[in-house]
């Protein structure tokens, strides 16, 4: 955090999430884990993000898991022309229409963001879908992702990690902007990185980006982002702080072109 504030970021405070409760034995069908607490947190996060966007600031949300995208969607959905760029080692496109195992929004956030989930989370306060599927881009899944084919049919652009590595960062960013537009929210799940670079995540999969590749991609994407969220880094898996330093270096360098919103 000190490196970010040293680079000019202002600390806008904490939006405290509810305490996680193992509710698998008591949770009825059609309800995700910790649903009410998650909805409450999403509303509070949306209010904080909205206040920052209204003053022309560019929010940087440090998660947390990928379910923060619900609150982000609540904040951005009333604003016209906002796309979504989803950088993640998984498509996170599981939803009730393709799985009987829906429970964890952290693996279902992208589907929920474009309206393909139970309405309690995909349509909070009648605000869904939070993002237009045709202005939504996903980059970074591995070749064995079970939902990649459906995501490719539904979303404006889907690019695997292998496909991303075959393009220059500038070309990939241009392809992203051709779909998401020039004003988008950028969500970065750090498991887009290869586990050799970033093992401090809950679902590491080989075949991800290098630190240099992600840094370069962020450098090209940041100027058009109205806000950015960073998710899934697990400090409990990084007792020496080595991977936190790696992530900090990626963010401070990759986001050097991040600007205030007009």
C-alpha atoms as a PDB file:
ATOM      1  CA  UNK A   1       0.000   0.000   0.000  1.00  0.00           C
ATOM      2  CA  UNK A   2       2.866   2.373   0.794  1.00  0.00           C
ATOM      3  CA  UNK A   3       4.216   2.002  -2.746  1.00  0.00           C
ATOM      4  CA  UNK A   4       0.800   2.828  -4.208  1.00  0.00           C
ATOM      5  CA  UNK A   5       0.284   5.905  -2.052  1.00  0.00           C
ATOM      6  CA  UNK A   6       3.849   6.911  -2.801  1.00  0.00           C
ATOM      7  CA  UNK A   7       2.951   6.794  -6.486  1.00  0.00           C
ATOM      8  CA  UNK A   8       0.069   9.204  -5.882  1.00  0.00           C
ATOM      9  CA  UNK A   9      -2.823   6.965  -4.827  1.00  0.00           C
ATOM     10  CA  UNK A  10      -5.104   8.181  -2.027  1.00  0.00           C
ATOM     11  CA  UNK A  11      -6.411   5.739   0.582  1.00  0.00           C
ATOM     12  CA  UNK A  12     -10.228   5.804   0.419  1.00  0.00           C
ATOM     13  CA  UNK A  13     -10.670   3.423   3.342  1.00  0.00           C
ATOM     14  CA  UNK A  14     -11.930  -0.099   3.919  1.00  0.00           C
ATOM     15  CA  UNK A  15     -15.330  -1.538   3.023  1.00  0.00           C
ATOM     16  CA  UNK A  16     -15.395  -4.375   5.509  1.00  0.00           C
ATOM     17  CA  UNK A  17     -16.848  -7.651   4.267  1.00  0.00           C
ATOM     18  CA  UNK A  18     -19.031  -9.787   6.506  1.00  0.00           C
ATOM     19  CA  UNK A  19     -17.432 -12.661   8.364  1.00  0.00           C
ATOM     20  CA  UNK A  20     -17.391 -15.869   6.338  1.00  0.00           C
ATOM     21  CA  UNK A  21     -19.730 -18.533   7.703  1.00  0.00           C
ATOM     22  CA  UNK A  22     -19.706 -22.168   6.588  1.00  0.00           C
ATOM     23  CA  UNK A  23     -23.404 -22.431   5.738  1.00  0.00           C
ATOM     24  CA  UNK A  24     -23.292 -25.447   3.410  1.00  0.00           C
ATOM     25  CA  UNK A  25     -25.369 -27.609   5.771  1.00  0.00           C
ATOM     26  CA  UNK A  26     -28.091 -25.005   6.321  1.00  0.00           C
ATOM     27  CA  UNK A  27     -28.152 -23.080   3.030  1.00  0.00           C
ATOM     28  CA  UNK A  28     -31.240 -23.842   0.891  1.00  0.00           C
ATOM     29  CA  UNK A  29     -30.942 -24.626  -2.804  1.00  0.00           C
ATOM     30  CA  UNK A  30     -30.897 -21.614  -5.072  1.00  0.00           C
ATOM     31  CA  UNK A  31     -28.801 -19.612  -2.600  1.00  0.00           C
ATOM     32  CA  UNK A  32     -25.044 -19.010  -2.758  1.00  0.00           C
ATOM     33  CA  UNK A  33     -22.705 -19.127   0.224  1.00  0.00           C
ATOM     34  CA  UNK A  34     -23.022 -16.163   2.583  1.00  0.00           C
ATOM     35  CA  UNK A  35     -25.536 -14.606   0.230  1.00  0.00           C
ATOM     36  CA  UNK A  36     -27.077 -11.961   2.490  1.00  0.00           C
ATOM     37  CA  UNK A  37     -23.697 -10.800   3.791  1.00  0.00           C
ATOM     38  CA  UNK A  38     -22.395 -10.641   0.228  1.00  0.00           C
ATOM     39  CA  UNK A  39     -25.338  -8.573  -0.964  1.00  0.00           C
ATOM     40  CA  UNK A  40     -24.921  -6.192   1.967  1.00  0.00           C
ATOM     41  CA  UNK A  41     -21.220  -5.801   1.208  1.00  0.00           C
ATOM     42  CA  UNK A  42     -21.955  -5.275  -2.488  1.00  0.00           C
ATOM     43  CA  UNK A  43     -24.289  -2.381  -1.693  1.00  0.00           C
ATOM     44  CA  UNK A  44     -21.775  -0.732   0.628  1.00  0.00           C
ATOM     45  CA  UNK A  45     -18.937  -1.206  -1.850  1.00  0.00           C
ATOM     46  CA  UNK A  46     -21.107   0.249  -4.617  1.00  0.00           C
ATOM     47  CA  UNK A  47     -21.777   3.370  -2.553  1.00  0.00           C
ATOM     48  CA  UNK A  48     -18.050   3.886  -1.954  1.00  0.00           C
ATOM     49  CA  UNK A  49     -17.157   3.381  -5.616  1.00  0.00           C
ATOM     50  CA  UNK A  50     -19.993   5.652  -6.757  1.00  0.00           C
ATOM     51  CA  UNK A  51     -18.775   8.443  -4.495  1.00  0.00           C
ATOM     52  CA  UNK A  52     -15.275   8.175  -5.953  1.00  0.00           C
ATOM     53  CA  UNK A  53     -16.458   8.037  -9.557  1.00  0.00           C
ATOM     54  CA  UNK A  54     -18.693  11.056  -8.965  1.00  0.00           C
ATOM     55  CA  UNK A  55     -15.659  13.139  -7.978  1.00  0.00           C
ATOM     56  CA  UNK A  56     -13.683  12.048 -11.037  1.00  0.00           C
ATOM     57  CA  UNK A  57     -11.422   9.662  -9.156  1.00  0.00           C
ATOM     58  CA  UNK A  58     -10.405   6.249 -10.499  1.00  0.00           C
ATOM     59  CA  UNK A  59     -11.055   3.615  -7.810  1.00  0.00           C
ATOM     60  CA  UNK A  60      -8.558   0.819  -7.207  1.00  0.00           C
ATOM     61  CA  UNK A  61     -10.320  -1.936  -5.248  1.00  0.00           C
ATOM     62  CA  UNK A  62      -7.991  -4.363  -3.495  1.00  0.00           C
ATOM     63  CA  UNK A  63      -9.995  -7.534  -2.792  1.00  0.00           C
ATOM     64  CA  UNK A  64     -11.090  -9.888  -1.611  1.00  0.00           C
ATOM     65  CA  UNK A  65     -12.265 -12.566  -3.936  1.00  0.00           C
ATOM     66  CA  UNK A  66     -13.902 -12.049  -7.307  1.00  0.00           C
ATOM     67  CA  UNK A  67     -17.360 -11.530  -5.811  1.00  0.00           C
ATOM     68  CA  UNK A  68     -16.416  -7.842  -5.427  1.00  0.00           C
ATOM     69  CA  UNK A  69     -17.540  -7.606  -9.048  1.00  0.00           C
ATOM     70  CA  UNK A  70     -21.157  -7.553  -7.812  1.00  0.00           C
ATOM     71  CA  UNK A  71     -20.658  -4.300  -5.921  1.00  0.00           C
ATOM     72  CA  UNK A  72     -18.633  -2.884  -8.772  1.00  0.00           C
ATOM     73  CA  UNK A  73     -21.448  -3.732 -11.167  1.00  0.00           C
ATOM     74  CA  UNK A  74     -23.984  -2.022  -8.925  1.00  0.00           C
ATOM     75  CA  UNK A  75     -21.865   1.133  -9.073  1.00  0.00           C
ATOM     76  CA  UNK A  76     -21.199   1.103 -12.809  1.00  0.00           C
ATOM     77  CA  UNK A  77     -24.510  -0.139 -14.224  1.00  0.00           C
ATOM     78  CA  UNK A  78     -26.269   3.272 -13.990  1.00  0.00           C
ATOM     79  CA  UNK A  79     -23.463   4.841 -16.042  1.00  0.00           C
ATOM     80  CA  UNK A  80     -23.742   4.694 -19.810  1.00  0.00           C
ATOM     81  CA  UNK A  81     -21.235   2.929 -21.999  1.00  0.00           C
ATOM     82  CA  UNK A  82     -19.115   1.119 -19.412  1.00  0.00           C
ATOM     83  CA  UNK A  83     -17.562  -2.126 -20.609  1.00  0.00           C
ATOM     84  CA  UNK A  84     -15.947  -4.867 -18.549  1.00  0.00           C
ATOM     85  CA  UNK A  85     -12.464  -6.328 -18.978  1.00  0.00           C
ATOM     86  CA  UNK A  86     -12.025  -9.491 -16.912  1.00  0.00           C
ATOM     87  CA  UNK A  87      -8.430 -10.747 -16.564  1.00  0.00           C
ATOM     88  CA  UNK A  88      -8.541 -14.095 -14.782  1.00  0.00           C
ATOM     89  CA  UNK A  89      -7.002 -17.545 -14.891  1.00  0.00           C
ATOM     90  CA  UNK A  90     -10.548 -18.934 -15.087  1.00  0.00           C
ATOM     91  CA  UNK A  91     -13.609 -17.746 -16.988  1.00  0.00           C
ATOM     92  CA  UNK A  92     -15.670 -17.722 -13.759  1.00  0.00           C
ATOM     93  CA  UNK A  93     -18.635 -18.520 -15.983  1.00  0.00           C
ATOM     94  CA  UNK A  94     -20.300 -21.219 -13.919  1.00  0.00           C
ATOM     95  CA  UNK A  95     -24.000 -20.491 -13.391  1.00  0.00           C
ATOM     96  CA  UNK A  96     -27.272 -22.354 -12.694  1.00  0.00           C
ATOM     97  CA  UNK A  97     -27.821 -22.908 -16.390  1.00  0.00           C
ATOM     98  CA  UNK A  98     -24.664 -24.983 -16.819  1.00  0.00           C
ATOM     99  CA  UNK A  99     -24.002 -26.435 -13.362  1.00  0.00           C
ATOM    100  CA  UNK A 100     -25.803 -27.986 -10.412  1.00  0.00           C
ATOM    101  CA  UNK A 101     -22.928 -27.003  -8.117  1.00  0.00           C
ATOM    102  CA  UNK A 102     -23.381 -23.231  -7.921  1.00  0.00           C
ATOM    103  CA  UNK A 103     -22.473 -21.983  -4.470  1.00  0.00           C
ATOM    104  CA  UNK A 104     -19.369 -19.802  -4.627  1.00  0.00           C
ATOM    105  CA  UNK A 105     -19.677 -16.496  -6.469  1.00  0.00           C
ATOM    106  CA  UNK A 106     -15.885 -16.267  -6.613  1.00  0.00           C
ATOM    107  CA  UNK A 107     -16.085 -18.822  -9.424  1.00  0.00           C
ATOM    108  CA  UNK A 108     -19.306 -17.454 -10.889  1.00  0.00           C
ATOM    109  CA  UNK A 109     -18.769 -13.703 -10.870  1.00  0.00           C
ATOM    110  CA  UNK A 110     -18.463 -13.145 -14.602  1.00  0.00           C
ATOM    111  CA  UNK A 111     -21.652 -15.084 -15.300  1.00  0.00           C
ATOM    112  CA  UNK A 112     -23.444 -13.086 -12.595  1.00  0.00           C
ATOM    113  CA  UNK A 113     -22.092  -9.799 -13.950  1.00  0.00           C
ATOM    114  CA  UNK A 114     -23.768 -10.373 -17.319  1.00  0.00           C
ATOM    115  CA  UNK A 115     -27.036 -11.627 -15.828  1.00  0.00           C
ATOM    116  CA  UNK A 116     -26.617 -15.417 -15.978  1.00  0.00           C
ATOM    117  CA  UNK A 117     -27.226 -16.300 -12.347  1.00  0.00           C
ATOM    118  CA  UNK A 118     -29.959 -16.338  -9.731  1.00  0.00           C
ATOM    119  CA  UNK A 119     -31.575 -12.925  -9.624  1.00  0.00           C
ATOM    120  CA  UNK A 120     -30.718 -12.416  -5.955  1.00  0.00           C
ATOM    121  CA  UNK A 121     -27.097 -11.824  -6.947  1.00  0.00           C
ATOM    122  CA  UNK A 122     -27.311 -11.055 -10.677  1.00  0.00           C
ATOM    123  CA  UNK A 123     -30.031  -8.418 -10.271  1.00  0.00           C
ATOM    124  CA  UNK A 124     -29.432  -6.769  -6.903  1.00  0.00           C
ATOM    125  CA  UNK A 125     -31.792  -3.799  -6.518  1.00  0.00           C
ATOM    126  CA  UNK A 126     -33.053  -4.458 -10.080  1.00  0.00           C
ATOM    127  CA  UNK A 127     -29.724  -3.223 -11.444  1.00  0.00           C
ATOM    128  CA  UNK A 128     -28.797  -6.264 -13.534  1.00  0.00           C
ATOM    129  CA  UNK A 129     -27.357  -7.203 -15.825  1.00  0.00           C
ATOM    130  CA  UNK A 130     -24.504  -5.092 -14.518  1.00  0.00           C
ATOM    131  CA  UNK A 131     -22.554  -5.276 -17.790  1.00  0.00           C
ATOM    132  CA  UNK A 132     -23.564  -5.817 -21.414  1.00  0.00           C
ATOM    133  CA  UNK A 133     -22.239  -9.252 -22.481  1.00  0.00           C
ATOM    134  CA  UNK A 134     -21.303  -7.877 -25.904  1.00  0.00           C
ATOM    135  CA  UNK A 135     -19.101  -5.230 -24.276  1.00  0.00           C
ATOM    136  CA  UNK A 136     -17.482  -7.729 -21.931  1.00  0.00           C
ATOM    137  CA  UNK A 137     -14.031  -9.226 -22.511  1.00  0.00           C
ATOM    138  CA  UNK A 138     -12.377 -12.107 -20.705  1.00  0.00           C
ATOM    139  CA  UNK A 139      -8.642 -12.819 -20.976  1.00  0.00           C
ATOM    140  CA  UNK A 140      -6.506 -15.454 -19.303  1.00  0.00           C
ATOM    141  CA  UNK A 141      -8.240 -18.807 -18.841  1.00  0.00           C
ATOM    142  CA  UNK A 142      -6.348 -22.050 -19.349  1.00  0.00           C
ATOM    143  CA  UNK A 143      -7.063 -24.513 -22.135  1.00  0.00           C
ATOM    144  CA  UNK A 144      -9.014 -26.917 -19.895  1.00  0.00           C
ATOM    145  CA  UNK A 145     -11.549 -24.349 -18.649  1.00  0.00           C
ATOM    146  CA  UNK A 146     -14.942 -26.077 -18.691  1.00  0.00           C
ATOM    147  CA  UNK A 147     -17.002 -22.949 -19.369  1.00  0.00           C
ATOM    148  CA  UNK A 148     -14.763 -21.349 -22.005  1.00  0.00           C
ATOM    149  CA  UNK A 149     -16.858 -22.482 -24.971  1.00  0.00           C
ATOM    150  CA  UNK A 150     -20.062 -21.003 -23.554  1.00  0.00           C
ATOM    151  CA  UNK A 151     -18.309 -17.806 -22.514  1.00  0.00           C
ATOM    152  CA  UNK A 152     -17.006 -17.471 -26.064  1.00  0.00           C
ATOM    153  CA  UNK A 153     -20.540 -17.736 -27.442  1.00  0.00           C
ATOM    154  CA  UNK A 154     -22.013 -15.215 -24.997  1.00  0.00           C
ATOM    155  CA  UNK A 155     -19.337 -12.571 -24.489  1.00  0.00           C
ATOM    156  CA  UNK A 156     -17.906 -10.041 -26.888  1.00  0.00           C
ATOM    157  CA  UNK A 157     -14.366 -11.455 -26.733  1.00  0.00           C
ATOM    158  CA  UNK A 158     -12.745 -14.387 -24.933  1.00  0.00           C
ATOM    159  CA  UNK A 159      -8.976 -14.938 -25.126  1.00  0.00           C
ATOM    160  CA  UNK A 160      -7.123 -17.774 -23.410  1.00  0.00           C
ATOM    161  CA  UNK A 161      -3.771 -17.232 -21.712  1.00  0.00           C
ATOM    162  CA  UNK A 162      -2.073 -19.126 -24.538  1.00  0.00           C
ATOM    163  CA  UNK A 163      -3.771 -16.955 -27.153  1.00  0.00           C
ATOM    164  CA  UNK A 164      -2.891 -13.804 -25.210  1.00  0.00           C
ATOM    165  CA  UNK A 165       0.766 -14.788 -25.147  1.00  0.00           C
ATOM    166  CA  UNK A 166       0.730 -15.167 -28.937  1.00  0.00           C
ATOM    167  CA  UNK A 167      -0.129 -11.464 -29.377  1.00  0.00           C
ATOM    168  CA  UNK A 168       1.821  -8.388 -28.425  1.00  0.00           C
ATOM    169  CA  UNK A 169       0.403  -6.563 -25.387  1.00  0.00           C
ATOM    170  CA  UNK A 170      -0.407  -3.596 -27.588  1.00  0.00           C
ATOM    171  CA  UNK A 171      -2.307  -5.694 -30.112  1.00  0.00           C
ATOM    172  CA  UNK A 172      -4.210  -7.530 -27.388  1.00  0.00           C
ATOM    173  CA  UNK A 173      -5.172  -4.250 -25.728  1.00  0.00           C
ATOM    174  CA  UNK A 174      -6.376  -2.928 -29.083  1.00  0.00           C
ATOM    175  CA  UNK A 175      -8.508  -6.050 -29.565  1.00  0.00           C
ATOM    176  CA  UNK A 176      -9.933  -5.580 -26.062  1.00  0.00           C
ATOM    177  CA  UNK A 177     -10.843  -1.932 -26.654  1.00  0.00           C
ATOM    178  CA  UNK A 178     -12.536  -2.816 -29.941  1.00  0.00           C
ATOM    179  CA  UNK A 179     -15.093  -4.733 -27.859  1.00  0.00           C
ATOM    180  CA  UNK A 180     -15.143  -3.113 -24.411  1.00  0.00           C
ATOM    181  CA  UNK A 181     -14.850   0.429 -25.715  1.00  0.00           C
ATOM    182  CA  UNK A 182     -12.711   3.203 -24.323  1.00  0.00           C
ATOM    183  CA  UNK A 183     -14.344   3.304 -20.870  1.00  0.00           C
ATOM    184  CA  UNK A 184     -14.383   0.051 -18.941  1.00  0.00           C
ATOM    185  CA  UNK A 185     -13.928  -1.497 -15.527  1.00  0.00           C
ATOM    186  CA  UNK A 186     -10.822  -3.667 -15.314  1.00  0.00           C
ATOM    187  CA  UNK A 187     -10.919  -6.664 -12.953  1.00  0.00           C
ATOM    188  CA  UNK A 188      -7.662  -8.552 -12.403  1.00  0.00           C
ATOM    189  CA  UNK A 189      -7.639 -11.896 -10.628  1.00  0.00           C
ATOM    190  CA  UNK A 190      -3.962 -12.496  -9.903  1.00  0.00           C
ATOM    191  CA  UNK A 191      -4.335 -16.191 -10.723  1.00  0.00           C
ATOM    192  CA  UNK A 192      -4.024 -15.077 -14.338  1.00  0.00           C
ATOM    193  CA  UNK A 193      -0.327 -15.300 -13.513  1.00  0.00           C
ATOM    194  CA  UNK A 194       1.497 -18.602 -13.789  1.00  0.00           C
ATOM    195  CA  UNK A 195       1.925 -20.351 -10.401  1.00  0.00           C
ATOM    196  CA  UNK A 196       5.690 -20.131 -10.847  1.00  0.00           C
ATOM    197  CA  UNK A 197       5.212 -16.372 -10.519  1.00  0.00           C
ATOM    198  CA  UNK A 198       2.207 -16.180  -8.174  1.00  0.00           C
ATOM    199  CA  UNK A 199       1.430 -19.323  -6.135  1.00  0.00           C
ATOM    200  CA  UNK A 200      -0.327 -17.341  -3.373  1.00  0.00           C
ATOM    201  CA  UNK A 201      -3.817 -17.905  -4.788  1.00  0.00           C
ATOM    202  CA  UNK A 202      -6.540 -20.431  -3.995  1.00  0.00           C
ATOM    203  CA  UNK A 203      -6.701 -22.095  -7.436  1.00  0.00           C
ATOM    204  CA  UNK A 204      -3.289 -21.963  -9.125  1.00  0.00           C
ATOM    205  CA  UNK A 205      -3.145 -23.431 -12.635  1.00  0.00           C
ATOM    206  CA  UNK A 206      -0.100 -23.770 -14.892  1.00  0.00           C
ATOM    207  CA  UNK A 207       0.019 -21.986 -18.206  1.00  0.00           C
ATOM    208  CA  UNK A 208      -0.536 -18.442 -16.988  1.00  0.00           C
ATOM    209  CA  UNK A 209       1.075 -15.134 -17.847  1.00  0.00           C
ATOM    210  CA  UNK A 210       4.489 -14.046 -16.679  1.00  0.00           C
ATOM    211  CA  UNK A 211       4.888 -10.978 -14.496  1.00  0.00           C
ATOM    212  CA  UNK A 212       6.306  -9.098 -17.469  1.00  0.00           C
ATOM    213  CA  UNK A 213       3.376 -10.042 -19.705  1.00  0.00           C
ATOM    214  CA  UNK A 214       0.762  -8.924 -17.184  1.00  0.00           C
ATOM    215  CA  UNK A 215       2.647  -5.712 -16.433  1.00  0.00           C
ATOM    216  CA  UNK A 216       2.807  -4.824 -20.119  1.00  0.00           C
ATOM    217  CA  UNK A 217      -0.870  -5.633 -20.675  1.00  0.00           C
ATOM    218  CA  UNK A 218      -1.926  -3.483 -17.711  1.00  0.00           C
ATOM    219  CA  UNK A 219       0.228  -0.648 -19.040  1.00  0.00           C
ATOM    220  CA  UNK A 220      -1.816  -0.664 -22.250  1.00  0.00           C
ATOM    221  CA  UNK A 221      -5.223  -1.193 -20.610  1.00  0.00           C
ATOM    222  CA  UNK A 222      -4.980   1.194 -17.651  1.00  0.00           C
ATOM    223  CA  UNK A 223      -5.442   4.508 -19.506  1.00  0.00           C
ATOM    224  CA  UNK A 224      -9.043   3.648 -20.462  1.00  0.00           C
ATOM    225  CA  UNK A 225     -10.073   2.036 -17.163  1.00  0.00           C
ATOM    226  CA  UNK A 226     -12.587   3.969 -15.066  1.00  0.00           C
ATOM    227  CA  UNK A 227     -11.671   1.699 -12.145  1.00  0.00           C
ATOM    228  CA  UNK A 228      -9.680  -1.426 -11.358  1.00  0.00           C
ATOM    229  CA  UNK A 229     -10.136  -4.314  -8.941  1.00  0.00           C
ATOM    230  CA  UNK A 230      -7.403  -6.737  -7.856  1.00  0.00           C
ATOM    231  CA  UNK A 231      -8.566 -10.046  -6.435  1.00  0.00           C
ATOM    232  CA  UNK A 232      -7.629 -13.453  -4.972  1.00  0.00           C
ATOM    233  CA  UNK A 233      -4.117 -12.745  -3.650  1.00  0.00           C
ATOM    234  CA  UNK A 234      -3.922 -14.738  -0.395  1.00  0.00           C
ATOM    235  CA  UNK A 235      -1.395 -13.348   2.118  1.00  0.00           C
ATOM    236  CA  UNK A 236      -1.744 -16.488   4.241  1.00  0.00           C
ATOM    237  CA  UNK A 237       0.040 -18.321   1.421  1.00  0.00           C
ATOM    238  CA  UNK A 238       2.819 -15.718   1.385  1.00  0.00           C
ATOM    239  CA  UNK A 239       4.247 -15.654   4.929  1.00  0.00           C
ATOM    240  CA  UNK A 240       7.526 -14.059   3.838  1.00  0.00           C
ATOM    241  CA  UNK A 241       5.821 -11.386   1.741  1.00  0.00           C
ATOM    242  CA  UNK A 242       7.767 -12.246  -1.411  1.00  0.00           C
ATOM    243  CA  UNK A 243       4.719 -12.546  -3.663  1.00  0.00           C
ATOM    244  CA  UNK A 244       3.159  -9.397  -2.241  1.00  0.00           C
ATOM    245  CA  UNK A 245       6.265  -7.565  -3.411  1.00  0.00           C
ATOM    246  CA  UNK A 246       5.959  -9.169  -6.837  1.00  0.00           C
ATOM    247  CA  UNK A 247       2.330  -8.078  -7.090  1.00  0.00           C
ATOM    248  CA  UNK A 248       3.134  -4.571  -5.878  1.00  0.00           C
ATOM    249  CA  UNK A 249       5.824  -4.238  -8.540  1.00  0.00           C
ATOM    250  CA  UNK A 250       3.379  -5.391 -11.230  1.00  0.00           C
ATOM    251  CA  UNK A 251       0.739  -2.893 -10.118  1.00  0.00           C
ATOM    252  CA  UNK A 252       2.949   0.143  -9.598  1.00  0.00           C
ATOM    253  CA  UNK A 253       4.607  -0.356 -12.979  1.00  0.00           C
ATOM    254  CA  UNK A 254       1.621  -1.658 -14.942  1.00  0.00           C
ATOM    255  CA  UNK A 255      -0.762   1.015 -13.691  1.00  0.00           C
ATOM    256  CA  UNK A 256       1.605   3.929 -14.237  1.00  0.00           C
ATOM    257  CA  UNK A 257      -0.689   5.245 -16.987  1.00  0.00           C
ATOM    258  CA  UNK A 258      -3.815   5.152 -14.816  1.00  0.00           C
ATOM    259  CA  UNK A 259      -5.513   8.551 -14.913  1.00  0.00           C
ATOM    260  CA  UNK A 260      -8.387  10.322 -13.210  1.00  0.00           C
ATOM    261  CA  UNK A 261     -11.754  10.069 -14.928  1.00  0.00           C
ATOM    262  CA  UNK A 262     -12.851  13.066 -16.953  1.00  0.00           C
END
